Amino acid sequence: MHNLLLVDDDKEFCRMLSQFLQGEGFHCDAAHDGVTALQRVEQQEYDALILDVMMPRMNGFEVVKRLRKTRETPVVMLTARGDENDSIVGLEIGADDYLAKPCSPRVLAAHVRAVLRRSEQVSSNTAKMPGDVVTVGDVTMYPGSRQVKVAGEEVDLTSTEFKIFELLVRSSGQVVPKETLSLKGLNRKLNPYDRSIDFHISSLRRKLGPGPQNSQRIVTVRNEGYLFSQPVEG
């Protein structure tokens, strides 16, 4: 049974969601502010956090930033409906997925399961492929240890970002459809108006920086998908 920490200042929402998730096979604890959430994470190991953005004492963004200094615990953020900026910020600072509130408990459970599968897959790859190295241009990936280096400098990616970037790098020079990135990177079908992949790509671009000759490393191919491009130097 997976242990979840539900962090939201709405106690009734926490109670109802915990009851539903327990019926789905999860064990749930609850915290009602960011400070308490971090304290709980220090005291006990959780498989994933469900984290609201707006909370007293410390908001969800700050919780993720502090959490990522020491732990890679998967995080699903709950953002205000229609506030795209919250979603972008959450993914860029290290959240693995997001949902707009109010959301269906069944949909939330599906997102949590997808995040857990990605995390477990990364752990499995670490054990199975310790010597696997992928190099394209100035980018080197170590799937076994989930490391990425650009021009010799290590880049810190979330497990979700790493999975999406690995798909692009292994298909360097070829367009990878958004549907493929969603299925293999997020473990779910791409739904209409779902911009999760776009947000993760935006975060990757920011973290990776420009390519050689100030080129764009990840190119958008309109109505098709994304392409990892490394220009030939010389």
C-alpha atoms as a PDB file:
ATOM      1  CA  MET A   1       0.000   0.000   0.000  1.00  0.00           C
ATOM      2  CA  HIS A   2       1.333   3.410  -0.972  1.00  0.00           C
ATOM      3  CA  ASN A   3       1.575   6.105   1.704  1.00  0.00           C
ATOM      4  CA  LEU A   4       0.377   9.554   0.651  1.00  0.00           C
ATOM      5  CA  LEU A   5       0.552  12.918   2.383  1.00  0.00           C
ATOM      6  CA  LEU A   6      -2.363  15.190   1.533  1.00  0.00           C
ATOM      7  CA  VAL A   7      -1.519  18.855   2.185  1.00  0.00           C
ATOM      8  CA  ASP A   8      -4.420  21.315   2.076  1.00  0.00           C
ATOM      9  CA  ASP A   9      -5.790  23.843   4.567  1.00  0.00           C
ATOM     10  CA  ASP A  10      -9.364  22.756   3.793  1.00  0.00           C
ATOM     11  CA  LYS A  11      -9.872  20.103   6.477  1.00  0.00           C
ATOM     12  CA  GLU A  12     -13.207  18.899   5.127  1.00  0.00           C
ATOM     13  CA  PHE A  13     -11.688  18.476   1.655  1.00  0.00           C
ATOM     14  CA  CYS A  14      -8.830  16.490   3.188  1.00  0.00           C
ATOM     15  CA  ARG A  15     -11.233  14.269   5.091  1.00  0.00           C
ATOM     16  CA  MET A  16     -13.382  13.486   2.068  1.00  0.00           C
ATOM     17  CA  LEU A  17     -10.413  12.964  -0.267  1.00  0.00           C
ATOM     18  CA  SER A  18      -8.600  10.775   2.263  1.00  0.00           C
ATOM     19  CA  GLN A  19     -11.688   8.618   2.617  1.00  0.00           C
ATOM     20  CA  PHE A  20     -11.935   8.188  -1.155  1.00  0.00           C
ATOM     21  CA  LEU A  21      -8.227   7.459  -1.645  1.00  0.00           C
ATOM     22  CA  GLN A  22      -8.227   4.902   1.146  1.00  0.00           C
ATOM     23  CA  GLY A  23     -11.028   3.158  -0.710  1.00  0.00           C
ATOM     24  CA  GLU A  24      -8.717   3.159  -3.755  1.00  0.00           C
ATOM     25  CA  GLY A  25      -6.000   1.328  -1.826  1.00  0.00           C
ATOM     26  CA  PHE A  26      -3.891   4.228  -0.535  1.00  0.00           C
ATOM     27  CA  HIS A  27      -2.965   5.096   3.036  1.00  0.00           C
ATOM     28  CA  CYS A  28      -3.384   8.845   3.639  1.00  0.00           C
ATOM     29  CA  ASP A  29      -2.067  11.271   6.216  1.00  0.00           C
ATOM     30  CA  ALA A  30      -3.002  14.945   6.183  1.00  0.00           C
ATOM     31  CA  ALA A  31      -1.279  18.237   6.959  1.00  0.00           C
ATOM     32  CA  HIS A  32      -3.006  21.613   6.804  1.00  0.00           C
ATOM     33  CA  ASP A  33      -0.091  23.988   6.234  1.00  0.00           C
ATOM     34  CA  GLY A  34       3.285  23.891   4.531  1.00  0.00           C
ATOM     35  CA  VAL A  35       5.434  23.947   7.654  1.00  0.00           C
ATOM     36  CA  THR A  36       3.648  20.958   9.146  1.00  0.00           C
ATOM     37  CA  ALA A  37       3.916  19.134   5.808  1.00  0.00           C
ATOM     38  CA  LEU A  38       7.710  19.436   5.762  1.00  0.00           C
ATOM     39  CA  GLN A  39       7.880  18.293   9.366  1.00  0.00           C
ATOM     40  CA  ARG A  40       5.811  15.201   8.520  1.00  0.00           C
ATOM     41  CA  VAL A  41       8.074  14.390   5.561  1.00  0.00           C
ATOM     42  CA  GLU A  42      11.116  14.528   7.848  1.00  0.00           C
ATOM     43  CA  GLN A  43       9.462  12.173  10.314  1.00  0.00           C
ATOM     44  CA  GLN A  44       8.117   9.612   7.839  1.00  0.00           C
ATOM     45  CA  GLU A  45       8.725   8.395   4.292  1.00  0.00           C
ATOM     46  CA  TYR A  46       5.879   9.067   1.848  1.00  0.00           C
ATOM     47  CA  ASP A  47       5.491   7.661  -1.637  1.00  0.00           C
ATOM     48  CA  ALA A  48       3.901  10.877  -2.928  1.00  0.00           C
ATOM     49  CA  LEU A  49       2.515  14.247  -1.849  1.00  0.00           C
ATOM     50  CA  ILE A  50      -0.733  15.844  -2.988  1.00  0.00           C
ATOM     51  CA  LEU A  51      -0.056  19.514  -2.391  1.00  0.00           C
ATOM     52  CA  ASP A  52      -2.267  22.590  -2.624  1.00  0.00           C
ATOM     53  CA  VAL A  53      -0.671  25.870  -3.703  1.00  0.00           C
ATOM     54  CA  MET A  54      -2.471  28.310  -1.415  1.00  0.00           C
ATOM     55  CA  MET A  55      -1.890  27.502   2.261  1.00  0.00           C
ATOM     56  CA  PRO A  56      -1.086  29.360   5.490  1.00  0.00           C
ATOM     57  CA  ARG A  57       2.421  29.635   6.993  1.00  0.00           C
ATOM     58  CA  MET A  58       4.109  28.362   3.810  1.00  0.00           C
ATOM     59  CA  ASN A  59       2.624  27.986   0.335  1.00  0.00           C
ATOM     60  CA  GLY A  60       2.929  24.920  -1.862  1.00  0.00           C
ATOM     61  CA  PHE A  61       5.632  26.424  -4.080  1.00  0.00           C
ATOM     62  CA  GLU A  62       7.942  26.976  -1.122  1.00  0.00           C
ATOM     63  CA  VAL A  63       7.228  23.466   0.157  1.00  0.00           C
ATOM     64  CA  VAL A  64       8.325  21.966  -3.180  1.00  0.00           C
ATOM     65  CA  LYS A  65      11.488  24.089  -3.323  1.00  0.00           C
ATOM     66  CA  ARG A  66      12.527  23.040   0.178  1.00  0.00           C
ATOM     67  CA  LEU A  67      11.537  19.424  -0.380  1.00  0.00           C
ATOM     68  CA  ARG A  68      13.650  19.181  -3.550  1.00  0.00           C
ATOM     69  CA  LYS A  69      16.805  20.131  -1.651  1.00  0.00           C
ATOM     70  CA  THR A  70      16.832  16.734   0.062  1.00  0.00           C
ATOM     71  CA  ARG A  71      14.167  14.469  -1.468  1.00  0.00           C
ATOM     72  CA  GLU A  72      12.748  13.322  -4.793  1.00  0.00           C
ATOM     73  CA  THR A  73       9.336  12.382  -3.387  1.00  0.00           C
ATOM     74  CA  PRO A  74       6.780  12.691  -6.242  1.00  0.00           C
ATOM     75  CA  VAL A  75       4.484  15.722  -5.936  1.00  0.00           C
ATOM     76  CA  VAL A  76       1.086  16.329  -7.514  1.00  0.00           C
ATOM     77  CA  MET A  77       0.153  19.994  -7.112  1.00  0.00           C
ATOM     78  CA  LEU A  78      -3.404  21.310  -6.890  1.00  0.00           C
ATOM     79  CA  THR A  79      -3.716  24.699  -8.577  1.00  0.00           C
ATOM     80  CA  ALA A  80      -6.480  27.244  -8.999  1.00  0.00           C
ATOM     81  CA  ARG A  81      -8.676  26.446 -11.981  1.00  0.00           C
ATOM     82  CA  GLY A  82      -7.645  28.436 -15.027  1.00  0.00           C
ATOM     83  CA  ASP A  83      -4.462  29.778 -13.417  1.00  0.00           C
ATOM     84  CA  GLU A  84      -1.901  28.544 -15.931  1.00  0.00           C
ATOM     85  CA  ASN A  85       0.916  30.419 -14.219  1.00  0.00           C
ATOM     86  CA  ASP A  86       0.553  28.311 -11.073  1.00  0.00           C
ATOM     87  CA  SER A  87       0.878  25.155 -13.153  1.00  0.00           C
ATOM     88  CA  ILE A  88       3.989  26.417 -14.939  1.00  0.00           C
ATOM     89  CA  VAL A  89       5.682  27.581 -11.747  1.00  0.00           C
ATOM     90  CA  GLY A  90       4.868  24.336  -9.949  1.00  0.00           C
ATOM     91  CA  LEU A  91       6.380  22.168 -12.687  1.00  0.00           C
ATOM     92  CA  GLU A  92       9.440  24.390 -13.073  1.00  0.00           C
ATOM     93  CA  ILE A  93      10.379  24.220  -9.397  1.00  0.00           C
ATOM     94  CA  GLY A  94      10.066  20.448  -9.211  1.00  0.00           C
ATOM     95  CA  ALA A  95       6.456  19.243  -9.057  1.00  0.00           C
ATOM     96  CA  ASP A  96       5.799  16.105 -11.118  1.00  0.00           C
ATOM     97  CA  ASP A  97       2.205  16.786 -12.131  1.00  0.00           C
ATOM     98  CA  TYR A  98      -0.674  19.160 -11.487  1.00  0.00           C
ATOM     99  CA  LEU A  99      -4.460  19.290 -11.404  1.00  0.00           C
ATOM    100  CA  ALA A 100      -6.792  22.278 -11.306  1.00  0.00           C
ATOM    101  CA  LYS A 101      -9.211  22.505  -8.390  1.00  0.00           C
ATOM    102  CA  PRO A 102     -11.938  21.504  -8.007  1.00  0.00           C
ATOM    103  CA  CYS A 103     -11.042  18.135  -9.468  1.00  0.00           C
ATOM    104  CA  SER A 104     -12.576  14.682  -9.564  1.00  0.00           C
ATOM    105  CA  PRO A 105     -11.154  12.410  -6.832  1.00  0.00           C
ATOM    106  CA  ARG A 106     -11.083   9.587  -9.374  1.00  0.00           C
ATOM    107  CA  VAL A 107      -9.016  11.685 -11.797  1.00  0.00           C
ATOM    108  CA  LEU A 108      -6.680  12.717  -8.976  1.00  0.00           C
ATOM    109  CA  ALA A 109      -6.171   9.072  -8.013  1.00  0.00           C
ATOM    110  CA  ALA A 110      -5.275   8.290 -11.636  1.00  0.00           C
ATOM    111  CA  HIS A 111      -2.712  11.101 -11.688  1.00  0.00           C
ATOM    112  CA  VAL A 112      -1.173   9.874  -8.434  1.00  0.00           C
ATOM    113  CA  ARG A 113      -0.888   6.333  -9.792  1.00  0.00           C
ATOM    114  CA  ALA A 114       0.786   7.640 -12.966  1.00  0.00           C
ATOM    115  CA  VAL A 115       3.319   9.649 -10.934  1.00  0.00           C
ATOM    116  CA  LEU A 116       4.057   6.624  -8.751  1.00  0.00           C
ATOM    117  CA  ARG A 117       4.587   4.416 -11.817  1.00  0.00           C
ATOM    118  CA  ARG A 118       7.070   6.918 -13.255  1.00  0.00           C
ATOM    119  CA  SER A 119       8.948   7.089  -9.968  1.00  0.00           C
ATOM    120  CA  GLU A 120       9.095   3.312  -9.653  1.00  0.00           C
ATOM    121  CA  GLN A 121      10.233   2.978 -13.263  1.00  0.00           C
ATOM    122  CA  VAL A 122      13.111   5.371 -12.625  1.00  0.00           C
ATOM    123  CA  SER A 123      14.129   3.329  -9.566  1.00  0.00           C
ATOM    124  CA  SER A 124      13.985   0.141 -11.621  1.00  0.00           C
ATOM    125  CA  ASN A 125      16.143   1.675 -14.351  1.00  0.00           C
ATOM    126  CA  THR A 126      18.690   2.695 -11.734  1.00  0.00           C
ATOM    127  CA  ALA A 127      19.087  -0.940 -10.705  1.00  0.00           C
ATOM    128  CA  LYS A 128      19.058  -2.421 -14.221  1.00  0.00           C
ATOM    129  CA  MET A 129      21.153   0.020 -16.262  1.00  0.00           C
ATOM    130  CA  PRO A 130      24.011   1.341 -14.104  1.00  0.00           C
ATOM    131  CA  GLY A 131      26.409   1.567 -17.069  1.00  0.00           C
ATOM    132  CA  ASP A 132      24.079   2.943 -19.727  1.00  0.00           C
ATOM    133  CA  VAL A 133      25.249   6.315 -21.056  1.00  0.00           C
ATOM    134  CA  VAL A 134      23.633   8.375 -23.843  1.00  0.00           C
ATOM    135  CA  THR A 135      25.585  11.241 -25.415  1.00  0.00           C
ATOM    136  CA  VAL A 136      24.316  13.649 -28.062  1.00  0.00           C
ATOM    137  CA  GLY A 137      26.420  16.735 -28.709  1.00  0.00           C
ATOM    138  CA  ASP A 138      27.237  18.406 -25.392  1.00  0.00           C
ATOM    139  CA  VAL A 139      24.452  16.522 -23.577  1.00  0.00           C
ATOM    140  CA  THR A 140      25.256  13.345 -21.641  1.00  0.00           C
ATOM    141  CA  MET A 141      22.574  11.282 -19.910  1.00  0.00           C
ATOM    142  CA  TYR A 142      23.099   8.573 -17.309  1.00  0.00           C
ATOM    143  CA  PRO A 143      19.721   6.766 -17.130  1.00  0.00           C
ATOM    144  CA  GLY A 144      20.935   4.424 -14.416  1.00  0.00           C
ATOM    145  CA  SER A 145      21.567   7.260 -11.952  1.00  0.00           C
ATOM    146  CA  ARG A 146      19.113   9.724 -13.592  1.00  0.00           C
ATOM    147  CA  GLN A 147      21.805  12.326 -14.193  1.00  0.00           C
ATOM    148  CA  VAL A 148      22.043  14.835 -17.013  1.00  0.00           C
ATOM    149  CA  LYS A 149      25.107  16.890 -17.840  1.00  0.00           C
ATOM    150  CA  VAL A 150      25.227  19.761 -20.325  1.00  0.00           C
ATOM    151  CA  ALA A 151      28.719  20.839 -21.351  1.00  0.00           C
ATOM    152  CA  GLY A 152      30.013  18.974 -18.303  1.00  0.00           C
ATOM    153  CA  GLU A 153      27.681  20.744 -15.848  1.00  0.00           C
ATOM    154  CA  GLU A 154      25.042  18.693 -14.031  1.00  0.00           C
ATOM    155  CA  VAL A 155      21.414  19.742 -14.565  1.00  0.00           C
ATOM    156  CA  ASP A 156      18.852  18.903 -11.885  1.00  0.00           C
ATOM    157  CA  LEU A 157      15.692  17.414 -13.425  1.00  0.00           C
ATOM    158  CA  THR A 158      12.606  15.931 -11.809  1.00  0.00           C
ATOM    159  CA  SER A 159      11.855  12.270 -12.567  1.00  0.00           C
ATOM    160  CA  THR A 160       9.137  13.350 -15.008  1.00  0.00           C
ATOM    161  CA  GLU A 161      11.391  15.843 -16.782  1.00  0.00           C
ATOM    162  CA  PHE A 162      14.133  13.239 -17.045  1.00  0.00           C
ATOM    163  CA  LYS A 163      11.798  10.683 -18.600  1.00  0.00           C
ATOM    164  CA  ILE A 164      10.493  13.157 -21.203  1.00  0.00           C
ATOM    165  CA  PHE A 165      13.989  14.425 -22.003  1.00  0.00           C
ATOM    166  CA  GLU A 166      15.331  10.887 -22.343  1.00  0.00           C
ATOM    167  CA  LEU A 167      12.628  10.129 -24.919  1.00  0.00           C
ATOM    168  CA  LEU A 168      13.637  13.223 -26.908  1.00  0.00           C
ATOM    169  CA  VAL A 169      17.387  12.599 -26.685  1.00  0.00           C
ATOM    170  CA  ARG A 170      17.114   8.934 -27.698  1.00  0.00           C
ATOM    171  CA  SER A 171      15.139  10.130 -30.755  1.00  0.00           C
ATOM    172  CA  SER A 172      17.511  13.028 -31.497  1.00  0.00           C
ATOM    173  CA  GLY A 173      16.762  14.611 -34.863  1.00  0.00           C
ATOM    174  CA  GLN A 174      13.306  13.025 -35.053  1.00  0.00           C
ATOM    175  CA  VAL A 175       9.961  14.472 -34.052  1.00  0.00           C
ATOM    176  CA  VAL A 176       8.442  12.790 -30.998  1.00  0.00           C
ATOM    177  CA  PRO A 177       4.634  13.232 -31.011  1.00  0.00           C
ATOM    178  CA  LYS A 178       3.058  14.761 -27.924  1.00  0.00           C
ATOM    179  CA  GLU A 179       0.884  11.642 -27.680  1.00  0.00           C
ATOM    180  CA  THR A 180       4.041   9.510 -27.331  1.00  0.00           C
ATOM    181  CA  LEU A 181       5.568  11.840 -24.755  1.00  0.00           C
ATOM    182  CA  SER A 182       2.369  11.699 -22.723  1.00  0.00           C
ATOM    183  CA  LEU A 183       1.998   7.912 -22.930  1.00  0.00           C
ATOM    184  CA  LYS A 184       5.641   7.086 -22.197  1.00  0.00           C
ATOM    185  CA  GLY A 185       6.602  10.108 -20.130  1.00  0.00           C
ATOM    186  CA  LEU A 186       3.448  10.672 -18.080  1.00  0.00           C
ATOM    187  CA  ASN A 187       1.972   7.156 -18.314  1.00  0.00           C
ATOM    188  CA  ARG A 188      -1.345   8.454 -19.569  1.00  0.00           C
ATOM    189  CA  LYS A 189      -3.118   9.286 -22.815  1.00  0.00           C
ATOM    190  CA  LEU A 190      -2.984  12.849 -24.050  1.00  0.00           C
ATOM    191  CA  ASN A 191      -6.323  14.479 -23.384  1.00  0.00           C
ATOM    192  CA  PRO A 192      -7.747  17.483 -25.252  1.00  0.00           C
ATOM    193  CA  TYR A 193      -6.549  20.804 -23.786  1.00  0.00           C
ATOM    194  CA  ASP A 194      -3.990  18.972 -21.587  1.00  0.00           C
ATOM    195  CA  ARG A 195      -0.878  21.151 -21.556  1.00  0.00           C
ATOM    196  CA  SER A 196       1.193  19.102 -19.106  1.00  0.00           C
ATOM    197  CA  ILE A 197       3.750  18.156 -21.767  1.00  0.00           C
ATOM    198  CA  ASP A 198       4.045  21.796 -22.892  1.00  0.00           C
ATOM    199  CA  PHE A 199       4.704  22.900 -19.315  1.00  0.00           C
ATOM    200  CA  HIS A 200       7.373  20.232 -18.809  1.00  0.00           C
ATOM    201  CA  ILE A 201       9.048  21.216 -22.084  1.00  0.00           C
ATOM    202  CA  SER A 202       9.072  24.853 -20.948  1.00  0.00           C
ATOM    203  CA  SER A 203      10.759  23.816 -17.711  1.00  0.00           C
ATOM    204  CA  LEU A 204      13.323  21.679 -19.562  1.00  0.00           C
ATOM    205  CA  ARG A 205      14.214  24.555 -21.881  1.00  0.00           C
ATOM    206  CA  ARG A 206      14.797  26.850 -18.934  1.00  0.00           C
ATOM    207  CA  LYS A 207      16.950  24.337 -17.050  1.00  0.00           C
ATOM    208  CA  LEU A 208      18.991  23.155 -20.054  1.00  0.00           C
ATOM    209  CA  GLY A 209      19.680  26.623 -21.420  1.00  0.00           C
ATOM    210  CA  PRO A 210      20.504  27.394 -25.054  1.00  0.00           C
ATOM    211  CA  GLY A 211      22.380  24.937 -27.232  1.00  0.00           C
ATOM    212  CA  PRO A 212      25.562  25.466 -29.240  1.00  0.00           C
ATOM    213  CA  GLN A 213      25.509  28.634 -31.313  1.00  0.00           C
ATOM    214  CA  ASN A 214      22.676  29.854 -29.044  1.00  0.00           C
ATOM    215  CA  SER A 215      20.285  27.386 -30.686  1.00  0.00           C
ATOM    216  CA  GLN A 216      17.089  26.023 -29.178  1.00  0.00           C
ATOM    217  CA  ARG A 217      17.678  22.512 -27.864  1.00  0.00           C
ATOM    218  CA  ILE A 218      14.051  21.400 -27.972  1.00  0.00           C
ATOM    219  CA  VAL A 219      12.213  22.531 -31.078  1.00  0.00           C
ATOM    220  CA  THR A 220       8.427  22.745 -31.353  1.00  0.00           C
ATOM    221  CA  VAL A 221       7.082  21.140 -34.521  1.00  0.00           C
ATOM    222  CA  ARG A 222       3.614  22.596 -34.856  1.00  0.00           C
ATOM    223  CA  ASN A 223       0.723  20.122 -34.802  1.00  0.00           C
ATOM    224  CA  GLU A 224       3.193  17.233 -34.452  1.00  0.00           C
ATOM    225  CA  GLY A 225       5.320  17.306 -31.325  1.00  0.00           C
ATOM    226  CA  TYR A 226       8.842  18.148 -30.189  1.00  0.00           C
ATOM    227  CA  LEU A 227      12.324  17.463 -31.525  1.00  0.00           C
ATOM    228  CA  PHE A 228      15.675  17.437 -29.759  1.00  0.00           C
ATOM    229  CA  SER A 229      18.136  19.179 -32.042  1.00  0.00           C
ATOM    230  CA  GLN A 230      21.899  19.518 -31.740  1.00  0.00           C
ATOM    231  CA  PRO A 231      23.447  21.668 -34.500  1.00  0.00           C
ATOM    232  CA  VAL A 232      26.733  20.501 -35.933  1.00  0.00           C
ATOM    233  CA  GLU A 233      29.555  22.747 -34.777  1.00  0.00           C
ATOM    234  CA  GLY A 234      32.219  23.904 -37.136  1.00  0.00           C
END
